[in-house]
Each structure stands twice: as C-alpha cells, then as structure tokens.
Amino acid sequence: MVFSIVFFVIYTLGLNKQLSFVHWGWSDFVRALIGALLFLITSLIVVIGHRDGAGIAAGVFGLLAGILFAYDAYITFPTLRKTHTAAPTESPEGV
C-alpha cells in the first residue's frame, strides 16, 4: 500500500519525467506484483485463522485488494513488452 501511495505521488507531481534513470513501467509492474502477493498471502492467513465476522470480512476485502493488484500487474505487463521491428535489409545506397 505504501508503494502505491509513493507511485501515486510521483506520477501526480510529474517526477517520473524528471527521474529518467528509473524504468517506471517495470517499477510499476513490480509494485503491483508485490502488492498482490502480500495481500493474497496475508488475507489467506486471516481467512483461515479467524472465525469471527470481522476477521472473515477483513480477509475477504484483502483478497479483493490482492485480486485488484494482480489485475493491475496483468494489464501493466503487456505495455512492457515492446514488439521488435526487423532491421531493413536494403543497402543504404539503394542498389
């Protein structure tokens, strides 16, 4: 959650354009993937360990948040994969 807030502030202030040494696409993908894993693992532990209504509700909402983070990682990944364009086979002289 903290990573998401940090990335939100960075994108809101436009710092991603100033800090060009960071690959922001991969950073965003890793943020979403780590968030999904942490939310899913924690929520499963809570759902399995708690039998009261609040614990089950917290686990279910955590699972939903983990699924949303996973979907964010899923839709972010195709933007990272650039299609390779073939090099031209013609000679520069046009012969």
PDB file of N, CA and C in Angstrom:
ATOM      1  N   MET A   1       0.820  -1.183   0.000  1.00  0.00           N
ATOM      2  CA  MET A   1       0.000   0.000   0.000  1.00  0.00           C
ATOM      3  C   MET A   1       0.870   1.256   0.000  1.00  0.00           C
ATOM      4  N   VAL A   2       1.973   1.196   0.725  1.00  0.00           N
ATOM      5  CA  VAL A   2       2.881   2.342   0.778  1.00  0.00           C
ATOM      6  C   VAL A   2       3.506   2.575  -0.589  1.00  0.00           C
ATOM      7  N   PHE A   3       3.878   1.493  -1.292  1.00  0.00           N
ATOM      8  CA  PHE A   3       4.423   1.640  -2.649  1.00  0.00           C
ATOM      9  C   PHE A   3       3.416   2.319  -3.559  1.00  0.00           C
ATOM     10  N   SER A   4       2.169   1.961  -3.444  1.00  0.00           N
ATOM     11  CA  SER A   4       1.136   2.567  -4.280  1.00  0.00           C
ATOM     12  C   SER A   4       1.009   4.054  -4.005  1.00  0.00           C
ATOM     13  N   ILE A   5       1.070   4.435  -2.760  1.00  0.00           N
ATOM     14  CA  ILE A   5       0.982   5.853  -2.406  1.00  0.00           C
ATOM     15  C   ILE A   5       2.192   6.604  -2.942  1.00  0.00           C
ATOM     16  N   VAL A   6       3.371   6.014  -2.814  1.00  0.00           N
ATOM     17  CA  VAL A   6       4.586   6.659  -3.329  1.00  0.00           C
ATOM     18  C   VAL A   6       4.498   6.832  -4.839  1.00  0.00           C
ATOM     19  N   PHE A   7       4.081   5.799  -5.548  1.00  0.00           N
ATOM     20  CA  PHE A   7       3.960   5.902  -7.001  1.00  0.00           C
ATOM     21  C   PHE A   7       2.884   6.906  -7.395  1.00  0.00           C
ATOM     22  N   PHE A   8       1.794   6.977  -6.651  1.00  0.00           N
ATOM     23  CA  PHE A   8       0.749   7.946  -6.930  1.00  0.00           C
ATOM     24  C   PHE A   8       1.290   9.369  -6.810  1.00  0.00           C
ATOM     25  N   VAL A   9       2.054   9.629  -5.762  1.00  0.00           N
ATOM     26  CA  VAL A   9       2.629  10.962  -5.568  1.00  0.00           C
ATOM     27  C   VAL A   9       3.639  11.275  -6.672  1.00  0.00           C
ATOM     28  N   ILE A  10       4.460  10.291  -7.039  1.00  0.00           N
ATOM     29  CA  ILE A  10       5.462  10.509  -8.091  1.00  0.00           C
ATOM     30  C   ILE A  10       4.792  10.841  -9.411  1.00  0.00           C
ATOM     31  N   TYR A  11       3.769  10.083  -9.791  1.00  0.00           N
ATOM     32  CA  TYR A  11       3.078  10.353 -11.051  1.00  0.00           C
ATOM     33  C   TYR A  11       2.280  11.650 -10.996  1.00  0.00           C
ATOM     34  N   THR A  12       1.704  11.983  -9.846  1.00  0.00           N
ATOM     35  CA  THR A  12       0.927  13.206  -9.716  1.00  0.00           C
ATOM     36  C   THR A  12       1.803  14.444  -9.854  1.00  0.00           C
ATOM     37  N   LEU A  13       2.980  14.411  -9.252  1.00  0.00           N
ATOM     38  CA  LEU A  13       3.879  15.556  -9.311  1.00  0.00           C
ATOM     39  C   LEU A  13       4.705  15.602 -10.595  1.00  0.00           C
ATOM     40  N   GLY A  14       4.608  14.560 -11.412  1.00  0.00           N
ATOM     41  CA  GLY A  14       5.361  14.527 -12.661  1.00  0.00           C
ATOM     42  C   GLY A  14       6.835  14.231 -12.477  1.00  0.00           C
ATOM     43  N   LEU A  15       7.192  13.646 -11.346  1.00  0.00           N
ATOM     44  CA  LEU A  15       8.597  13.341 -11.096  1.00  0.00           C
ATOM     45  C   LEU A  15       9.108  12.199 -11.968  1.00  0.00           C
ATOM     46  N   ASN A  16       8.205  11.412 -12.531  1.00  0.00           N
ATOM     47  CA  ASN A  16       8.643  10.305 -13.378  1.00  0.00           C
ATOM     48  C   ASN A  16       9.316  10.816 -14.649  1.00  0.00           C
ATOM     49  N   LYS A  17       9.009  12.013 -15.097  1.00  0.00           N
ATOM     50  CA  LYS A  17       9.654  12.589 -16.275  1.00  0.00           C
ATOM     51  C   LYS A  17      11.025  13.163 -15.939  1.00  0.00           C
ATOM     52  N   GLN A  18      11.206  13.585 -14.694  1.00  0.00           N
ATOM     53  CA  GLN A  18      12.483  14.147 -14.268  1.00  0.00           C
ATOM     54  C   GLN A  18      13.493  13.071 -13.890  1.00  0.00           C
ATOM     55  N   LEU A  19      13.021  11.971 -13.365  1.00  0.00           N
ATOM     56  CA  LEU A  19      13.898  10.871 -12.945  1.00  0.00           C
ATOM     57  C   LEU A  19      13.933   9.820 -14.052  1.00  0.00           C
ATOM     58  N   SER A  20      14.718  10.099 -15.073  1.00  0.00           N
ATOM     59  CA  SER A  20      14.723   9.221 -16.245  1.00  0.00           C
ATOM     60  C   SER A  20      15.584   7.968 -16.068  1.00  0.00           C
ATOM     61  N   PHE A  21      16.364   7.888 -15.007  1.00  0.00           N
ATOM     62  CA  PHE A  21      17.221   6.717 -14.806  1.00  0.00           C
ATOM     63  C   PHE A  21      16.450   5.515 -14.264  1.00  0.00           C
ATOM     64  N   VAL A  22      15.186   5.712 -13.890  1.00  0.00           N
ATOM     65  CA  VAL A  22      14.338   4.624 -13.395  1.00  0.00           C
ATOM     66  C   VAL A  22      13.400   4.199 -14.514  1.00  0.00           C
ATOM     67  N   HIS A  23      13.303   2.904 -14.758  1.00  0.00           N
ATOM     68  CA  HIS A  23      12.331   2.396 -15.738  1.00  0.00           C
ATOM     69  C   HIS A  23      10.995   2.285 -15.013  1.00  0.00           C
ATOM     70  N   TRP A  24      10.116   3.258 -15.232  1.00  0.00           N
ATOM     71  CA  TRP A  24       8.886   3.369 -14.458  1.00  0.00           C
ATOM     72  C   TRP A  24       7.892   2.274 -14.777  1.00  0.00           C
ATOM     73  N   GLY A  25       7.906   1.759 -15.992  1.00  0.00           N
ATOM     74  CA  GLY A  25       6.996   0.671 -16.324  1.00  0.00           C
ATOM     75  C   GLY A  25       7.284  -0.577 -15.515  1.00  0.00           C
ATOM     76  N   TRP A  26       8.559  -0.965 -15.449  1.00  0.00           N
ATOM     77  CA  TRP A  26       8.922  -2.148 -14.671  1.00  0.00           C
ATOM     78  C   TRP A  26       8.739  -1.914 -13.181  1.00  0.00           C
ATOM     79  N   SER A  27       9.008  -0.698 -12.721  1.00  0.00           N
ATOM     80  CA  SER A  27       8.804  -0.387 -11.308  1.00  0.00           C
ATOM     81  C   SER A  27       7.333  -0.515 -10.937  1.00  0.00           C
ATOM     82  N   ASP A  28       6.461  -0.041 -11.807  1.00  0.00           N
ATOM     83  CA  ASP A  28       5.028  -0.141 -11.546  1.00  0.00           C
ATOM     84  C   ASP A  28       4.566  -1.595 -11.558  1.00  0.00           C
ATOM     85  N   PHE A  29       5.120  -2.393 -12.480  1.00  0.00           N
ATOM     86  CA  PHE A  29       4.772  -3.814 -12.533  1.00  0.00           C
ATOM     87  C   PHE A  29       5.214  -4.541 -11.267  1.00  0.00           C
ATOM     88  N   VAL A  30       6.431  -4.277 -10.814  1.00  0.00           N
ATOM     89  CA  VAL A  30       6.943  -4.930  -9.602  1.00  0.00           C
ATOM     90  C   VAL A  30       6.120  -4.502  -8.390  1.00  0.00           C
ATOM     91  N   ARG A  31       5.720  -3.225  -8.326  1.00  0.00           N
ATOM     92  CA  ARG A  31       4.885  -2.745  -7.232  1.00  0.00           C
ATOM     93  C   ARG A  31       3.562  -3.500  -7.186  1.00  0.00           C
ATOM     94  N   ALA A  32       2.935  -3.654  -8.339  1.00  0.00           N
ATOM     95  CA  ALA A  32       1.649  -4.344  -8.384  1.00  0.00           C
ATOM     96  C   ALA A  32       1.803  -5.828  -8.035  1.00  0.00           C
ATOM     97  N   LEU A  33       2.867  -6.442  -8.508  1.00  0.00           N
ATOM     98  CA  LEU A  33       3.092  -7.864  -8.234  1.00  0.00           C
ATOM     99  C   LEU A  33       3.366  -8.113  -6.749  1.00  0.00           C
ATOM    100  N   ILE A  34       4.205  -7.295  -6.148  1.00  0.00           N
ATOM    101  CA  ILE A  34       4.491  -7.443  -4.719  1.00  0.00           C
ATOM    102  C   ILE A  34       3.236  -7.180  -3.894  1.00  0.00           C
ATOM    103  N   GLY A  35       2.469  -6.150  -4.265  1.00  0.00           N
ATOM    104  CA  GLY A  35       1.219  -5.864  -3.552  1.00  0.00           C
ATOM    105  C   GLY A  35       0.245  -7.013  -3.634  1.00  0.00           C
ATOM    106  N   ALA A  36       0.125  -7.606  -4.822  1.00  0.00           N
ATOM    107  CA  ALA A  36      -0.796  -8.738  -4.995  1.00  0.00           C
ATOM    108  C   ALA A  36      -0.377  -9.914  -4.126  1.00  0.00           C
ATOM    109  N   LEU A  37       0.903 -10.253  -4.155  1.00  0.00           N
ATOM    110  CA  LEU A  37       1.380 -11.390  -3.363  1.00  0.00           C
ATOM    111  C   LEU A  37       1.187 -11.156  -1.870  1.00  0.00           C
ATOM    112  N   LEU A  38       1.550  -9.972  -1.393  1.00  0.00           N
ATOM    113  CA  LEU A  38       1.427  -9.705   0.039  1.00  0.00           C
ATOM    114  C   LEU A  38      -0.030  -9.693   0.492  1.00  0.00           C
ATOM    115  N   PHE A  39      -0.901  -9.069  -0.277  1.00  0.00           N
ATOM    116  CA  PHE A  39      -2.316  -9.042   0.097  1.00  0.00           C
ATOM    117  C   PHE A  39      -2.925 -10.438   0.069  1.00  0.00           C
ATOM    118  N   LEU A  40      -2.604 -11.224  -0.962  1.00  0.00           N
ATOM    119  CA  LEU A  40      -3.191 -12.557  -1.062  1.00  0.00           C
ATOM    120  C   LEU A  40      -2.717 -13.464   0.066  1.00  0.00           C
ATOM    121  N   ILE A  41      -1.422 -13.446   0.352  1.00  0.00           N
ATOM    122  CA  ILE A  41      -0.892 -14.302   1.417  1.00  0.00           C
ATOM    123  C   ILE A  41      -1.465 -13.896   2.776  1.00  0.00           C
ATOM    124  N   THR A  42      -1.441 -12.594   3.060  1.00  0.00           N
ATOM    125  CA  THR A  42      -1.952 -12.121   4.347  1.00  0.00           C
ATOM    126  C   THR A  42      -3.443 -12.404   4.494  1.00  0.00           C
ATOM    127  N   SER A  43      -4.194 -12.204   3.440  1.00  0.00           N
ATOM    128  CA  SER A  43      -5.638 -12.422   3.509  1.00  0.00           C
ATOM    129  C   SER A  43      -5.973 -13.893   3.690  1.00  0.00           C
ATOM    130  N   LEU A  44      -5.244 -14.760   3.020  1.00  0.00           N
ATOM    131  CA  LEU A  44      -5.484 -16.190   3.209  1.00  0.00           C
ATOM    132  C   LEU A  44      -5.193 -16.617   4.643  1.00  0.00           C
ATOM    133  N   ILE A  45      -4.143 -16.078   5.236  1.00  0.00           N
ATOM    134  CA  ILE A  45      -3.827 -16.394   6.623  1.00  0.00           C
ATOM    135  C   ILE A  45      -4.945 -15.912   7.547  1.00  0.00           C
ATOM    136  N   VAL A  46      -5.462 -14.709   7.276  1.00  0.00           N
ATOM    137  CA  VAL A  46      -6.536 -14.162   8.114  1.00  0.00           C
ATOM    138  C   VAL A  46      -7.817 -14.966   7.953  1.00  0.00           C
ATOM    139  N   VAL A  47      -8.182 -15.330   6.716  1.00  0.00           N
ATOM    140  CA  VAL A  47      -9.415 -16.089   6.491  1.00  0.00           C
ATOM    141  C   VAL A  47      -9.335 -17.461   7.145  1.00  0.00           C
ATOM    142  N   ILE A  48      -8.189 -18.096   7.055  1.00  0.00           N
ATOM    143  CA  ILE A  48      -8.035 -19.431   7.642  1.00  0.00           C
ATOM    144  C   ILE A  48      -7.993 -19.364   9.162  1.00  0.00           C
ATOM    145  N   GLY A  49      -7.350 -18.341   9.733  1.00  0.00           N
ATOM    146  CA  GLY A  49      -7.135 -18.283  11.175  1.00  0.00           C
ATOM    147  C   GLY A  49      -8.259 -17.694  11.987  1.00  0.00           C
ATOM    148  N   HIS A  50      -9.114 -16.873  11.406  1.00  0.00           N
ATOM    149  CA  HIS A  50     -10.160 -16.206  12.183  1.00  0.00           C
ATOM    150  C   HIS A  50     -11.531 -16.789  11.861  1.00  0.00           C
ATOM    151  N   ARG A  51     -12.329 -16.944  12.895  1.00  0.00           N
ATOM    152  CA  ARG A  51     -13.677 -17.473  12.719  1.00  0.00           C
ATOM    153  C   ARG A  51     -14.744 -16.424  13.021  1.00  0.00           C
ATOM    154  N   ASP A  52     -14.325 -15.235  13.464  1.00  0.00           N
ATOM    155  CA  ASP A  52     -15.315 -14.202  13.765  1.00  0.00           C
ATOM    156  C   ASP A  52     -15.652 -13.419  12.492  1.00  0.00           C
ATOM    157  N   GLY A  53     -16.724 -12.660  12.551  1.00  0.00           N
ATOM    158  CA  GLY A  53     -17.206 -11.940  11.376  1.00  0.00           C
ATOM    159  C   GLY A  53     -16.243 -10.886  10.881  1.00  0.00           C
ATOM    160  N   ALA A  54     -15.596 -10.174  11.802  1.00  0.00           N
ATOM    161  CA  ALA A  54     -14.669  -9.112  11.399  1.00  0.00           C
ATOM    162  C   ALA A  54     -13.430  -9.692  10.720  1.00  0.00           C
ATOM    163  N   GLY A  55     -12.947 -10.794  11.227  1.00  0.00           N
ATOM    164  CA  GLY A  55     -11.770 -11.424  10.625  1.00  0.00           C
ATOM    165  C   GLY A  55     -12.048 -11.939   9.223  1.00  0.00           C
ATOM    166  N   ILE A  56     -13.207 -12.542   9.057  1.00  0.00           N
ATOM    167  CA  ILE A  56     -13.574 -13.053   7.730  1.00  0.00           C
ATOM    168  C   ILE A  56     -13.794 -11.898   6.760  1.00  0.00           C
ATOM    169  N   ALA A  57     -14.432 -10.822   7.219  1.00  0.00           N
ATOM    170  CA  ALA A  57     -14.647  -9.654   6.356  1.00  0.00           C
ATOM    171  C   ALA A  57     -13.313  -9.033   5.950  1.00  0.00           C
ATOM    172  N   ALA A  58     -12.387  -8.920   6.899  1.00  0.00           N
ATOM    173  CA  ALA A  58     -11.069  -8.374   6.586  1.00  0.00           C
ATOM    174  C   ALA A  58     -10.345  -9.250   5.570  1.00  0.00           C
ATOM    175  N   GLY A  59     -10.446 -10.551   5.746  1.00  0.00           N
ATOM    176  CA  GLY A  59      -9.805 -11.459   4.801  1.00  0.00           C
ATOM    177  C   GLY A  59     -10.395 -11.376   3.410  1.00  0.00           C
ATOM    178  N   VAL A  60     -11.715 -11.253   3.329  1.00  0.00           N
ATOM    179  CA  VAL A  60     -12.372 -11.163   2.025  1.00  0.00           C
ATOM    180  C   VAL A  60     -11.998  -9.861   1.330  1.00  0.00           C
ATOM    181  N   PHE A  61     -12.010  -8.750   2.058  1.00  0.00           N
ATOM    182  CA  PHE A  61     -11.610  -7.473   1.456  1.00  0.00           C
ATOM    183  C   PHE A  61     -10.134  -7.488   1.061  1.00  0.00           C
ATOM    184  N   GLY A  62      -9.307  -8.146   1.842  1.00  0.00           N
ATOM    185  CA  GLY A  62      -7.902  -8.293   1.481  1.00  0.00           C
ATOM    186  C   GLY A  62      -7.727  -9.122   0.222  1.00  0.00           C
ATOM    187  N   LEU A  63      -8.516 -10.191   0.097  1.00  0.00           N
ATOM    188  CA  LEU A  63      -8.467 -10.994  -1.130  1.00  0.00           C
ATOM    189  C   LEU A  63      -8.899 -10.177  -2.342  1.00  0.00           C
ATOM    190  N   LEU A  64      -9.926  -9.365  -2.184  1.00  0.00           N
ATOM    191  CA  LEU A  64     -10.351  -8.495  -3.283  1.00  0.00           C
ATOM    192  C   LEU A  64      -9.253  -7.495  -3.658  1.00  0.00           C
ATOM    193  N   ALA A  65      -8.586  -6.923  -2.659  1.00  0.00           N
ATOM    194  CA  ALA A  65      -7.491  -5.993  -2.939  1.00  0.00           C
ATOM    195  C   ALA A  65      -6.341  -6.715  -3.641  1.00  0.00           C
ATOM    196  N   GLY A  66      -6.036  -7.937  -3.212  1.00  0.00           N
ATOM    197  CA  GLY A  66      -4.986  -8.718  -3.868  1.00  0.00           C
ATOM    198  C   GLY A  66      -5.329  -9.034  -5.306  1.00  0.00           C
ATOM    199  N   ILE A  67      -6.594  -9.344  -5.562  1.00  0.00           N
ATOM    200  CA  ILE A  67      -7.029  -9.621  -6.932  1.00  0.00           C
ATOM    201  C   ILE A  67      -6.919  -8.359  -7.785  1.00  0.00           C
ATOM    202  N   LEU A  68      -7.267  -7.214  -7.220  1.00  0.00           N
ATOM    203  CA  LEU A  68      -7.136  -5.960  -7.971  1.00  0.00           C
ATOM    204  C   LEU A  68      -5.669  -5.626  -8.273  1.00  0.00           C
ATOM    205  N   PHE A  69      -4.784  -5.853  -7.313  1.00  0.00           N
ATOM    206  CA  PHE A  69      -3.360  -5.648  -7.572  1.00  0.00           C
ATOM    207  C   PHE A  69      -2.863  -6.612  -8.655  1.00  0.00           C
ATOM    208  N   ALA A  70      -3.323  -7.861  -8.612  1.00  0.00           N
ATOM    209  CA  ALA A  70      -2.919  -8.830  -9.632  1.00  0.00           C
ATOM    210  C   ALA A  70      -3.424  -8.414 -11.011  1.00  0.00           C
ATOM    211  N   TYR A  71      -4.643  -7.899 -11.081  1.00  0.00           N
ATOM    212  CA  TYR A  71      -5.180  -7.414 -12.352  1.00  0.00           C
ATOM    213  C   TYR A  71      -4.376  -6.217 -12.850  1.00  0.00           C
ATOM    214  N   ASP A  72      -3.957  -5.350 -11.945  1.00  0.00           N
ATOM    215  CA  ASP A  72      -3.118  -4.213 -12.321  1.00  0.00           C
ATOM    216  C   ASP A  72      -1.796  -4.702 -12.904  1.00  0.00           C
ATOM    217  N   ALA A  73      -1.193  -5.713 -12.290  1.00  0.00           N
ATOM    218  CA  ALA A  73       0.046  -6.273 -12.831  1.00  0.00           C
ATOM    219  C   ALA A  73      -0.202  -6.918 -14.188  1.00  0.00           C
ATOM    220  N   TYR A  74      -1.356  -7.560 -14.345  1.00  0.00           N
ATOM    221  CA  TYR A  74      -1.700  -8.230 -15.601  1.00  0.00           C
ATOM    222  C   TYR A  74      -1.866  -7.235 -16.748  1.00  0.00           C
ATOM    223  N   ILE A  75      -2.498  -6.100 -16.477  1.00  0.00           N
ATOM    224  CA  ILE A  75      -2.694  -5.127 -17.558  1.00  0.00           C
ATOM    225  C   ILE A  75      -1.457  -4.254 -17.758  1.00  0.00           C
ATOM    226  N   THR A  76      -0.547  -4.206 -16.785  1.00  0.00           N
ATOM    227  CA  THR A  76       0.682  -3.436 -16.926  1.00  0.00           C
ATOM    228  C   THR A  76       1.719  -4.195 -17.740  1.00  0.00           C
ATOM    229  N   PHE A  77       1.749  -5.509 -17.632  1.00  0.00           N
ATOM    230  CA  PHE A  77       2.798  -6.303 -18.273  1.00  0.00           C
ATOM    231  C   PHE A  77       2.826  -6.183 -19.798  1.00  0.00           C
ATOM    232  N   PRO A  78       1.696  -6.232 -20.503  1.00  0.00           N
ATOM    233  CA  PRO A  78       1.778  -6.122 -21.972  1.00  0.00           C
ATOM    234  C   PRO A  78       2.357  -4.799 -22.463  1.00  0.00           C
ATOM    235  N   THR A  79       2.238  -3.734 -21.698  1.00  0.00           N
ATOM    236  CA  THR A  79       2.825  -2.463 -22.121  1.00  0.00           C
ATOM    237  C   THR A  79       4.342  -2.493 -22.031  1.00  0.00           C
ATOM    238  N   LEU A  80       4.874  -3.411 -21.241  1.00  0.00           N
ATOM    239  CA  LEU A  80       6.328  -3.512 -21.105  1.00  0.00           C
ATOM    240  C   LEU A  80       6.958  -4.282 -22.254  1.00  0.00           C
ATOM    241  N   ARG A  81       6.189  -5.160 -22.854  1.00  0.00           N
ATOM    242  CA  ARG A  81       6.707  -5.988 -23.937  1.00  0.00           C
ATOM    243  C   ARG A  81       6.583  -5.232 -25.247  1.00  0.00           C
ATOM    244  N   LYS A  82       7.681  -4.721 -25.716  1.00  0.00           N
ATOM    245  CA  LYS A  82       7.699  -3.988 -26.977  1.00  0.00           C
ATOM    246  C   LYS A  82       7.875  -4.984 -28.113  1.00  0.00           C
ATOM    247  N   THR A  83       7.204  -4.727 -29.226  1.00  0.00           N
ATOM    248  CA  THR A  83       7.378  -5.586 -30.386  1.00  0.00           C
ATOM    249  C   THR A  83       8.674  -5.214 -31.077  1.00  0.00           C
ATOM    250  N   HIS A  84       9.387  -6.197 -31.504  1.00  0.00           N
ATOM    251  CA  HIS A  84      10.668  -5.989 -32.164  1.00  0.00           C
ATOM    252  C   HIS A  84      10.426  -5.757 -33.644  1.00  0.00           C
ATOM    253  N   THR A  85      10.975  -4.687 -34.143  1.00  0.00           N
ATOM    254  CA  THR A  85      10.851  -4.426 -35.572  1.00  0.00           C
ATOM    255  C   THR A  85      12.110  -4.918 -36.260  1.00  0.00           C
ATOM    256  N   ALA A  86      11.936  -5.556 -37.390  1.00  0.00           N
ATOM    257  CA  ALA A  86      13.068  -6.104 -38.123  1.00  0.00           C
ATOM    258  C   ALA A  86      13.890  -4.979 -38.737  1.00  0.00           C
ATOM    259  N   ALA A  87      15.173  -5.215 -38.811  1.00  0.00           N
ATOM    260  CA  ALA A  87      16.073  -4.229 -39.431  1.00  0.00           C
ATOM    261  C   ALA A  87      15.866  -4.263 -40.938  1.00  0.00           C
ATOM    262  N   PRO A  88      16.020  -3.125 -41.603  1.00  0.00           N
ATOM    263  CA  PRO A  88      15.843  -3.111 -43.058  1.00  0.00           C
ATOM    264  C   PRO A  88      16.936  -3.933 -43.730  1.00  0.00           C
ATOM    265  N   THR A  89      16.551  -4.642 -44.787  1.00  0.00           N
ATOM    266  CA  THR A  89      17.526  -5.496 -45.476  1.00  0.00           C
ATOM    267  C   THR A  89      18.094  -4.828 -46.737  1.00  0.00           C
ATOM    268  N   GLU A  90      17.583  -3.658 -47.080  1.00  0.00           N
ATOM    269  CA  GLU A  90      18.095  -2.957 -48.242  1.00  0.00           C
ATOM    270  C   GLU A  90      19.406  -2.271 -47.898  1.00  0.00           C
ATOM    271  N   SER A  91      20.260  -2.114 -48.877  1.00  0.00           N
ATOM    272  CA  SER A  91      21.507  -1.410 -48.645  1.00  0.00           C
ATOM    273  C   SER A  91      21.229   0.090 -48.622  1.00  0.00           C
ATOM    274  N   PRO A  92      22.036   0.837 -47.893  1.00  0.00           N
ATOM    275  CA  PRO A  92      21.805   2.285 -47.803  1.00  0.00           C
ATOM    276  C   PRO A  92      21.947   3.010 -49.141  1.00  0.00           C
ATOM    277  N   GLU A  93      22.728   2.433 -50.076  1.00  0.00           N
ATOM    278  CA  GLU A  93      22.919   3.090 -51.379  1.00  0.00           C
ATOM    279  C   GLU A  93      21.738   2.873 -52.303  1.00  0.00           C
ATOM    280  N   GLY A  94      20.859   1.944 -51.984  1.00  0.00           N
ATOM    281  CA  GLY A  94      19.697   1.665 -52.813  1.00  0.00           C
ATOM    282  C   GLY A  94      19.992   0.744 -53.970  1.00  0.00           C
ATOM    283  N   VAL A  95      21.094   0.025 -53.930  1.00  0.00           N
ATOM    284  CA  VAL A  95      21.482  -0.891 -55.000  1.00  0.00           C
ATOM    285  C   VAL A  95      20.896  -2.249 -54.784  1.00  0.00           C
TER     286      VAL A  95
END
